[in-house]
Amino acid sequence: MRARWPRAVRPLLWVFAALAVVHLGALLGGVPAVGQLTKPALMPVLAAYALARGGPPLLAGALLCGCGGDTFLQIGGDVAFLVGMGSFAAGHVCYLLLFARHGAAPGAGRRGRTVGAAAAYAVLLAGTVVLLWPDLPAGLRIPVAGYSLLLTAMAFGALRAGLPAAAGGLLFLLSDTLIASGIAHWPQLPAPQFCIMFTYLAAQYALAGGVLRAAGTAPRPAPETGAARAEVAGGTAA
């Protein structure tokens, strides 16, 4: 995987890091205007970084879907929340496609661990939905349950792309569970918005890094040697 714009890679990464620090600092410092301005800019910069590294356009699409979700969740209200959740869901579909294309399928020796991981994620999903269900607004119960299923599938699929992506999937699960617990009016951690955004930003960065690594190390067809080409030509002529 060759960088598309090698000179832009490091500056874009520094811009993303700077925006993340400013945004998180604004959440801790109680400066909502700065937080609202920086939040929609985070994922487009990370998407540009992924493209500059030579990453798949679908990865940029997943990150831009996150931007849509970030933007709508800032508006407030059930309709905006559902639209934002739908945007994040589209991003999870993009990630699932990326893991299928670039991730490593479990080998024979790893199938038992994969089944065990699938069972663990299924238990985590069922437990979260069952606990949250009574405290969620009635109109959000089914959408949240459906979204949780897709999110958990994405987190499980991230195992195919290596440890960084797997960690990103788990962090995404944690971040969105914190959001859902707030909607259900559960007791919250100190500085809940900071915790949500810190885990979310770490999740997206880890997922992007995992996909970039998997796409860069995916096996490619071996180049034909001169002898192989001659053999093919000879067979065709015969």
C-alpha atoms as a PDB file:
ATOM      1  CA  MET A   1       0.000   0.000   0.000  1.00  0.00           C
ATOM      2  CA  ARG A   2       1.664   3.215  -1.171  1.00  0.00           C
ATOM      3  CA  ALA A   3       0.830   6.609   0.247  1.00  0.00           C
ATOM      4  CA  ARG A   4      -1.227   8.740  -2.134  1.00  0.00           C
ATOM      5  CA  TRP A   5      -0.001  12.021  -0.705  1.00  0.00           C
ATOM      6  CA  PRO A   6       3.088  11.199   1.373  1.00  0.00           C
ATOM      7  CA  ARG A   7       3.828  14.812   2.293  1.00  0.00           C
ATOM      8  CA  ALA A   8       0.348  15.251   3.763  1.00  0.00           C
ATOM      9  CA  VAL A   9       0.375  12.155   5.989  1.00  0.00           C
ATOM     10  CA  ARG A  10       2.160  13.566   9.015  1.00  0.00           C
ATOM     11  CA  PRO A  11       0.585  17.053   8.922  1.00  0.00           C
ATOM     12  CA  LEU A  12      -2.912  15.527   8.741  1.00  0.00           C
ATOM     13  CA  LEU A  13      -2.161  13.248  11.687  1.00  0.00           C
ATOM     14  CA  TRP A  14      -0.946  16.223  13.722  1.00  0.00           C
ATOM     15  CA  VAL A  15      -4.042  18.233  12.788  1.00  0.00           C
ATOM     16  CA  PHE A  16      -6.258  15.339  13.942  1.00  0.00           C
ATOM     17  CA  ALA A  17      -4.316  15.070  17.207  1.00  0.00           C
ATOM     18  CA  ALA A  18      -4.532  18.816  17.792  1.00  0.00           C
ATOM     19  CA  LEU A  19      -8.276  18.883  17.095  1.00  0.00           C
ATOM     20  CA  ALA A  20      -8.807  15.943  19.433  1.00  0.00           C
ATOM     21  CA  VAL A  21      -6.871  17.654  22.242  1.00  0.00           C
ATOM     22  CA  VAL A  22      -8.772  20.919  21.760  1.00  0.00           C
ATOM     23  CA  HIS A  23     -12.119  19.132  21.628  1.00  0.00           C
ATOM     24  CA  LEU A  24     -11.482  17.003  24.712  1.00  0.00           C
ATOM     25  CA  GLY A  25     -10.086  20.008  26.546  1.00  0.00           C
ATOM     26  CA  ALA A  26     -13.232  21.971  25.715  1.00  0.00           C
ATOM     27  CA  LEU A  27     -15.368  19.169  27.151  1.00  0.00           C
ATOM     28  CA  LEU A  28     -13.359  19.132  30.355  1.00  0.00           C
ATOM     29  CA  GLY A  29     -13.205  22.909  30.576  1.00  0.00           C
ATOM     30  CA  GLY A  30     -16.897  23.457  29.965  1.00  0.00           C
ATOM     31  CA  VAL A  31     -16.523  25.381  26.688  1.00  0.00           C
ATOM     32  CA  PRO A  32     -19.402  23.908  24.642  1.00  0.00           C
ATOM     33  CA  ALA A  33     -19.005  26.293  21.683  1.00  0.00           C
ATOM     34  CA  VAL A  34     -15.475  25.045  21.002  1.00  0.00           C
ATOM     35  CA  GLY A  35     -16.604  21.440  21.413  1.00  0.00           C
ATOM     36  CA  GLN A  36     -19.445  21.913  18.933  1.00  0.00           C
ATOM     37  CA  LEU A  37     -17.130  23.508  16.365  1.00  0.00           C
ATOM     38  CA  THR A  38     -14.383  20.897  16.591  1.00  0.00           C
ATOM     39  CA  LYS A  39     -16.502  17.734  16.794  1.00  0.00           C
ATOM     40  CA  PRO A  40     -17.689  17.652  13.140  1.00  0.00           C
ATOM     41  CA  ALA A  41     -14.145  18.346  11.902  1.00  0.00           C
ATOM     42  CA  LEU A  42     -12.483  15.364  13.580  1.00  0.00           C
ATOM     43  CA  MET A  43     -13.524  12.476  11.340  1.00  0.00           C
ATOM     44  CA  PRO A  44     -13.028  14.308   7.994  1.00  0.00           C
ATOM     45  CA  VAL A  45      -9.419  15.004   8.991  1.00  0.00           C
ATOM     46  CA  LEU A  46      -8.910  11.370  10.009  1.00  0.00           C
ATOM     47  CA  ALA A  47     -10.503  10.284   6.705  1.00  0.00           C
ATOM     48  CA  ALA A  48      -8.111  12.554   4.790  1.00  0.00           C
ATOM     49  CA  TYR A  49      -5.214  11.032   6.733  1.00  0.00           C
ATOM     50  CA  ALA A  50      -6.378   7.513   5.831  1.00  0.00           C
ATOM     51  CA  LEU A  51      -6.610   8.446   2.140  1.00  0.00           C
ATOM     52  CA  ALA A  52      -3.205  10.143   2.237  1.00  0.00           C
ATOM     53  CA  ARG A  53      -1.764   6.890   3.609  1.00  0.00           C
ATOM     54  CA  GLY A  54      -3.220   5.086   0.587  1.00  0.00           C
ATOM     55  CA  GLY A  55      -6.089   3.508   2.498  1.00  0.00           C
ATOM     56  CA  PRO A  56      -9.236   2.151   0.859  1.00  0.00           C
ATOM     57  CA  PRO A  57     -11.840   4.803  -0.035  1.00  0.00           C
ATOM     58  CA  LEU A  58     -14.375   2.717   1.900  1.00  0.00           C
ATOM     59  CA  LEU A  59     -12.403   3.461   5.072  1.00  0.00           C
ATOM     60  CA  ALA A  60     -12.792   7.177   4.416  1.00  0.00           C
ATOM     61  CA  GLY A  61     -16.497   6.487   3.897  1.00  0.00           C
ATOM     62  CA  ALA A  62     -16.754   4.768   7.294  1.00  0.00           C
ATOM     63  CA  LEU A  63     -15.095   7.728   8.998  1.00  0.00           C
ATOM     64  CA  LEU A  64     -17.269  10.273   7.182  1.00  0.00           C
ATOM     65  CA  CYS A  65     -20.343   8.350   8.306  1.00  0.00           C
ATOM     66  CA  GLY A  66     -18.999   8.921  11.803  1.00  0.00           C
ATOM     67  CA  CYS A  67     -18.875  12.634  11.028  1.00  0.00           C
ATOM     68  CA  GLY A  68     -22.550  12.507  10.087  1.00  0.00           C
ATOM     69  CA  GLY A  69     -23.360  10.774  13.341  1.00  0.00           C
ATOM     70  CA  ASP A  70     -21.314  13.272  15.349  1.00  0.00           C
ATOM     71  CA  THR A  71     -23.083  16.187  13.701  1.00  0.00           C
ATOM     72  CA  PHE A  72     -26.647  14.943  14.159  1.00  0.00           C
ATOM     73  CA  LEU A  73     -26.093  13.852  17.754  1.00  0.00           C
ATOM     74  CA  GLN A  74     -25.159  17.444  18.552  1.00  0.00           C
ATOM     75  CA  ILE A  75     -28.548  18.720  17.365  1.00  0.00           C
ATOM     76  CA  GLY A  76     -30.573  16.943  20.028  1.00  0.00           C
ATOM     77  CA  GLY A  77     -34.051  15.402  19.902  1.00  0.00           C
ATOM     78  CA  ASP A  78     -35.197  11.891  19.014  1.00  0.00           C
ATOM     79  CA  VAL A  79     -35.294  12.432  15.239  1.00  0.00           C
ATOM     80  CA  ALA A  80     -31.748  13.808  15.086  1.00  0.00           C
ATOM     81  CA  PHE A  81     -30.613  10.993  17.366  1.00  0.00           C
ATOM     82  CA  LEU A  82     -32.118   8.358  15.061  1.00  0.00           C
ATOM     83  CA  VAL A  83     -30.561   9.964  11.979  1.00  0.00           C
ATOM     84  CA  GLY A  84     -27.195  10.134  13.706  1.00  0.00           C
ATOM     85  CA  MET A  85     -27.489   6.526  14.806  1.00  0.00           C
ATOM     86  CA  GLY A  86     -28.327   5.570  11.220  1.00  0.00           C
ATOM     87  CA  SER A  87     -25.200   7.351  10.012  1.00  0.00           C
ATOM     88  CA  PHE A  88     -23.058   5.463  12.511  1.00  0.00           C
ATOM     89  CA  ALA A  89     -24.781   2.234  11.432  1.00  0.00           C
ATOM     90  CA  ALA A  90     -23.767   2.916   7.820  1.00  0.00           C
ATOM     91  CA  GLY A  91     -20.205   3.366   9.037  1.00  0.00           C
ATOM     92  CA  HIS A  92     -20.335  -0.022  10.762  1.00  0.00           C
ATOM     93  CA  VAL A  93     -21.479  -1.618   7.500  1.00  0.00           C
ATOM     94  CA  CYS A  94     -18.472  -0.029   5.775  1.00  0.00           C
ATOM     95  CA  TYR A  95     -16.173  -1.466   8.447  1.00  0.00           C
ATOM     96  CA  LEU A  96     -17.709  -4.925   8.080  1.00  0.00           C
ATOM     97  CA  LEU A  97     -17.054  -4.818   4.336  1.00  0.00           C
ATOM     98  CA  LEU A  98     -13.486  -3.690   4.977  1.00  0.00           C
ATOM     99  CA  PHE A  99     -12.849  -6.534   7.436  1.00  0.00           C
ATOM    100  CA  ALA A 100     -14.256  -9.030   4.931  1.00  0.00           C
ATOM    101  CA  ARG A 101     -11.998  -7.716   2.162  1.00  0.00           C
ATOM    102  CA  HIS A 102      -8.775  -7.106   4.057  1.00  0.00           C
ATOM    103  CA  GLY A 103      -9.020  -9.107   7.274  1.00  0.00           C
ATOM    104  CA  ALA A 104      -7.557 -12.551   7.786  1.00  0.00           C
ATOM    105  CA  ALA A 105      -9.988 -15.445   7.963  1.00  0.00           C
ATOM    106  CA  PRO A 106      -9.491 -17.596  11.086  1.00  0.00           C
ATOM    107  CA  GLY A 107      -7.305 -20.611  10.449  1.00  0.00           C
ATOM    108  CA  ALA A 108      -8.054 -24.131  11.586  1.00  0.00           C
ATOM    109  CA  GLY A 109      -6.187 -23.616  14.869  1.00  0.00           C
ATOM    110  CA  ARG A 110      -8.072 -20.418  15.661  1.00  0.00           C
ATOM    111  CA  ARG A 111     -11.624 -21.522  14.951  1.00  0.00           C
ATOM    112  CA  GLY A 112     -12.255 -22.600  18.522  1.00  0.00           C
ATOM    113  CA  ARG A 113     -11.146 -19.206  19.838  1.00  0.00           C
ATOM    114  CA  THR A 114     -13.288 -17.477  17.222  1.00  0.00           C
ATOM    115  CA  VAL A 115     -16.360 -19.422  18.345  1.00  0.00           C
ATOM    116  CA  GLY A 116     -15.568 -18.530  21.948  1.00  0.00           C
ATOM    117  CA  ALA A 117     -15.184 -14.845  21.049  1.00  0.00           C
ATOM    118  CA  ALA A 118     -18.482 -14.921  19.139  1.00  0.00           C
ATOM    119  CA  ALA A 119     -20.210 -16.375  22.187  1.00  0.00           C
ATOM    120  CA  ALA A 120     -18.685 -13.707  24.442  1.00  0.00           C
ATOM    121  CA  TYR A 121     -19.809 -10.874  22.144  1.00  0.00           C
ATOM    122  CA  ALA A 122     -23.297 -12.409  21.917  1.00  0.00           C
ATOM    123  CA  VAL A 123     -23.566 -12.553  25.711  1.00  0.00           C
ATOM    124  CA  LEU A 124     -22.328  -8.961  25.947  1.00  0.00           C
ATOM    125  CA  LEU A 125     -24.937  -7.823  23.402  1.00  0.00           C
ATOM    126  CA  ALA A 126     -27.804  -9.689  25.042  1.00  0.00           C
ATOM    127  CA  GLY A 127     -26.869  -8.503  28.517  1.00  0.00           C
ATOM    128  CA  THR A 128     -26.586  -4.871  27.471  1.00  0.00           C
ATOM    129  CA  VAL A 129     -29.899  -4.826  25.595  1.00  0.00           C
ATOM    130  CA  VAL A 130     -31.772  -6.641  28.378  1.00  0.00           C
ATOM    131  CA  LEU A 131     -30.455  -4.272  31.047  1.00  0.00           C
ATOM    132  CA  LEU A 132     -31.063  -1.099  29.052  1.00  0.00           C
ATOM    133  CA  TRP A 133     -34.446  -2.043  27.578  1.00  0.00           C
ATOM    134  CA  PRO A 134     -36.753  -1.087  30.506  1.00  0.00           C
ATOM    135  CA  ASP A 135     -35.110   2.329  30.968  1.00  0.00           C
ATOM    136  CA  LEU A 136     -34.974   3.411  27.312  1.00  0.00           C
ATOM    137  CA  PRO A 137     -37.745   5.607  25.844  1.00  0.00           C
ATOM    138  CA  ALA A 138     -40.307   3.331  24.170  1.00  0.00           C
ATOM    139  CA  GLY A 139     -39.703   4.797  20.720  1.00  0.00           C
ATOM    140  CA  LEU A 140     -35.957   4.142  20.897  1.00  0.00           C
ATOM    141  CA  ARG A 141     -35.941   0.585  22.226  1.00  0.00           C
ATOM    142  CA  ILE A 142     -36.108  -1.307  18.932  1.00  0.00           C
ATOM    143  CA  PRO A 143     -33.782   1.088  17.013  1.00  0.00           C
ATOM    144  CA  VAL A 144     -31.199   0.926  19.811  1.00  0.00           C
ATOM    145  CA  ALA A 145     -31.429  -2.875  19.943  1.00  0.00           C
ATOM    146  CA  GLY A 146     -30.982  -3.148  16.159  1.00  0.00           C
ATOM    147  CA  TYR A 147     -28.088  -0.713  16.204  1.00  0.00           C
ATOM    148  CA  SER A 148     -26.487  -2.600  19.099  1.00  0.00           C
ATOM    149  CA  LEU A 149     -26.618  -5.813  17.054  1.00  0.00           C
ATOM    150  CA  LEU A 150     -24.839  -4.143  14.127  1.00  0.00           C
ATOM    151  CA  LEU A 151     -22.287  -2.461  16.402  1.00  0.00           C
ATOM    152  CA  THR A 152     -21.486  -5.763  18.108  1.00  0.00           C
ATOM    153  CA  ALA A 153     -21.136  -7.475  14.731  1.00  0.00           C
ATOM    154  CA  MET A 154     -18.670  -4.767  13.688  1.00  0.00           C
ATOM    155  CA  ALA A 155     -16.682  -5.155  16.916  1.00  0.00           C
ATOM    156  CA  PHE A 156     -16.543  -8.931  16.437  1.00  0.00           C
ATOM    157  CA  GLY A 157     -15.602  -8.539  12.758  1.00  0.00           C
ATOM    158  CA  ALA A 158     -12.730  -6.260  13.774  1.00  0.00           C
ATOM    159  CA  LEU A 159     -10.971  -9.328  15.191  1.00  0.00           C
ATOM    160  CA  ARG A 160     -10.154 -10.257  11.586  1.00  0.00           C
ATOM    161  CA  ALA A 161      -8.093  -7.087  11.144  1.00  0.00           C
ATOM    162  CA  GLY A 162      -5.744  -7.587  14.076  1.00  0.00           C
ATOM    163  CA  LEU A 163      -5.309  -6.368  17.638  1.00  0.00           C
ATOM    164  CA  PRO A 164      -5.542  -2.578  17.030  1.00  0.00           C
ATOM    165  CA  ALA A 165      -8.829  -2.943  15.147  1.00  0.00           C
ATOM    166  CA  ALA A 166     -10.180  -5.365  17.761  1.00  0.00           C
ATOM    167  CA  ALA A 167      -9.366  -2.841  20.491  1.00  0.00           C
ATOM    168  CA  GLY A 168     -11.083  -0.169  18.413  1.00  0.00           C
ATOM    169  CA  GLY A 169     -14.212  -2.276  18.135  1.00  0.00           C
ATOM    170  CA  LEU A 170     -14.360  -2.771  21.897  1.00  0.00           C
ATOM    171  CA  LEU A 171     -13.797   0.949  22.536  1.00  0.00           C
ATOM    172  CA  PHE A 172     -16.632   1.772  20.131  1.00  0.00           C
ATOM    173  CA  LEU A 173     -18.867  -0.608  22.074  1.00  0.00           C
ATOM    174  CA  LEU A 174     -17.896   1.116  25.316  1.00  0.00           C
ATOM    175  CA  SER A 175     -18.441   4.616  23.927  1.00  0.00           C
ATOM    176  CA  ASP A 176     -21.892   3.851  22.545  1.00  0.00           C
ATOM    177  CA  THR A 177     -22.885   1.984  25.707  1.00  0.00           C
ATOM    178  CA  LEU A 178     -22.051   5.142  27.676  1.00  0.00           C
ATOM    179  CA  ILE A 179     -24.327   7.113  25.340  1.00  0.00           C
ATOM    180  CA  ALA A 180     -27.157   4.581  25.745  1.00  0.00           C
ATOM    181  CA  SER A 181     -26.771   4.561  29.523  1.00  0.00           C
ATOM    182  CA  GLY A 182     -27.186   8.338  29.499  1.00  0.00           C
ATOM    183  CA  ILE A 183     -30.387   8.055  27.457  1.00  0.00           C
ATOM    184  CA  ALA A 184     -31.621   5.458  29.962  1.00  0.00           C
ATOM    185  CA  HIS A 185     -30.822   7.920  32.793  1.00  0.00           C
ATOM    186  CA  TRP A 186     -28.414   5.570  34.495  1.00  0.00           C
ATOM    187  CA  PRO A 187     -25.811   7.011  36.901  1.00  0.00           C
ATOM    188  CA  GLN A 188     -22.995   8.517  34.846  1.00  0.00           C
ATOM    189  CA  LEU A 189     -19.220   8.675  35.186  1.00  0.00           C
ATOM    190  CA  PRO A 190     -17.653  12.034  36.019  1.00  0.00           C
ATOM    191  CA  ALA A 191     -17.352  14.155  32.841  1.00  0.00           C
ATOM    192  CA  PRO A 192     -19.490  11.729  30.803  1.00  0.00           C
ATOM    193  CA  GLN A 193     -19.131  13.586  27.485  1.00  0.00           C
ATOM    194  CA  PHE A 194     -15.362  13.535  27.844  1.00  0.00           C
ATOM    195  CA  CYS A 195     -15.425   9.773  28.504  1.00  0.00           C
ATOM    196  CA  ILE A 196     -17.699   9.181  25.499  1.00  0.00           C
ATOM    197  CA  MET A 197     -15.579  11.211  23.113  1.00  0.00           C
ATOM    198  CA  PHE A 198     -12.232   9.956  24.424  1.00  0.00           C
ATOM    199  CA  THR A 199     -13.228   6.317  23.889  1.00  0.00           C
ATOM    200  CA  TYR A 200     -14.879   7.159  20.545  1.00  0.00           C
ATOM    201  CA  LEU A 201     -11.844   8.978  19.144  1.00  0.00           C
ATOM    202  CA  ALA A 202      -9.531   6.218  20.323  1.00  0.00           C
ATOM    203  CA  ALA A 203     -11.893   3.680  18.717  1.00  0.00           C
ATOM    204  CA  GLN A 204     -11.997   5.368  15.317  1.00  0.00           C
ATOM    205  CA  TYR A 205      -8.231   5.903  15.262  1.00  0.00           C
ATOM    206  CA  ALA A 206      -7.574   2.267  16.236  1.00  0.00           C
ATOM    207  CA  LEU A 207     -10.068   0.956  13.665  1.00  0.00           C
ATOM    208  CA  ALA A 208      -8.565   3.117  10.920  1.00  0.00           C
ATOM    209  CA  GLY A 209      -5.057   2.029  11.863  1.00  0.00           C
ATOM    210  CA  GLY A 210      -6.082  -1.618  11.922  1.00  0.00           C
ATOM    211  CA  VAL A 211      -7.692  -1.409   8.484  1.00  0.00           C
ATOM    212  CA  LEU A 212      -4.683   0.432   7.046  1.00  0.00           C
ATOM    213  CA  ARG A 213      -2.369  -2.218   8.410  1.00  0.00           C
ATOM    214  CA  ALA A 214      -4.550  -5.089   7.173  1.00  0.00           C
ATOM    215  CA  ALA A 215      -4.929  -3.528   3.725  1.00  0.00           C
ATOM    216  CA  GLY A 216      -1.190  -2.927   3.482  1.00  0.00           C
ATOM    217  CA  THR A 217      -0.234  -6.469   4.403  1.00  0.00           C
ATOM    218  CA  ALA A 218      -2.980  -8.305   2.516  1.00  0.00           C
ATOM    219  CA  PRO A 219      -1.529 -11.038   0.285  1.00  0.00           C
ATOM    220  CA  ARG A 220      -1.181 -10.069  -3.335  1.00  0.00           C
ATOM    221  CA  PRO A 221      -0.717 -12.347  -6.374  1.00  0.00           C
ATOM    222  CA  ALA A 222       2.946 -13.125  -6.932  1.00  0.00           C
ATOM    223  CA  PRO A 223       4.378 -11.402 -10.021  1.00  0.00           C
ATOM    224  CA  GLU A 224       4.929 -13.719 -12.952  1.00  0.00           C
ATOM    225  CA  THR A 225       8.544 -14.505 -13.704  1.00  0.00           C
ATOM    226  CA  GLY A 226       9.904 -14.627 -17.220  1.00  0.00           C
ATOM    227  CA  ALA A 227       9.970 -18.440 -17.089  1.00  0.00           C
ATOM    228  CA  ALA A 228       6.346 -18.589 -15.948  1.00  0.00           C
ATOM    229  CA  ARG A 229       5.267 -16.272 -18.740  1.00  0.00           C
ATOM    230  CA  ALA A 230       7.166 -18.387 -21.260  1.00  0.00           C
ATOM    231  CA  GLU A 231       5.449 -21.509 -19.932  1.00  0.00           C
ATOM    232  CA  VAL A 232       2.027 -19.920 -20.286  1.00  0.00           C
ATOM    233  CA  ALA A 233       2.865 -18.698 -23.799  1.00  0.00           C
ATOM    234  CA  GLY A 234       4.133 -22.133 -24.759  1.00  0.00           C
ATOM    235  CA  GLY A 235       0.997 -23.812 -23.426  1.00  0.00           C
ATOM    236  CA  THR A 236      -1.197 -21.369 -25.323  1.00  0.00           C
ATOM    237  CA  ALA A 237       0.695 -21.909 -28.534  1.00  0.00           C
ATOM    238  CA  ALA A 238       0.418 -25.675 -28.163  1.00  0.00           C
END
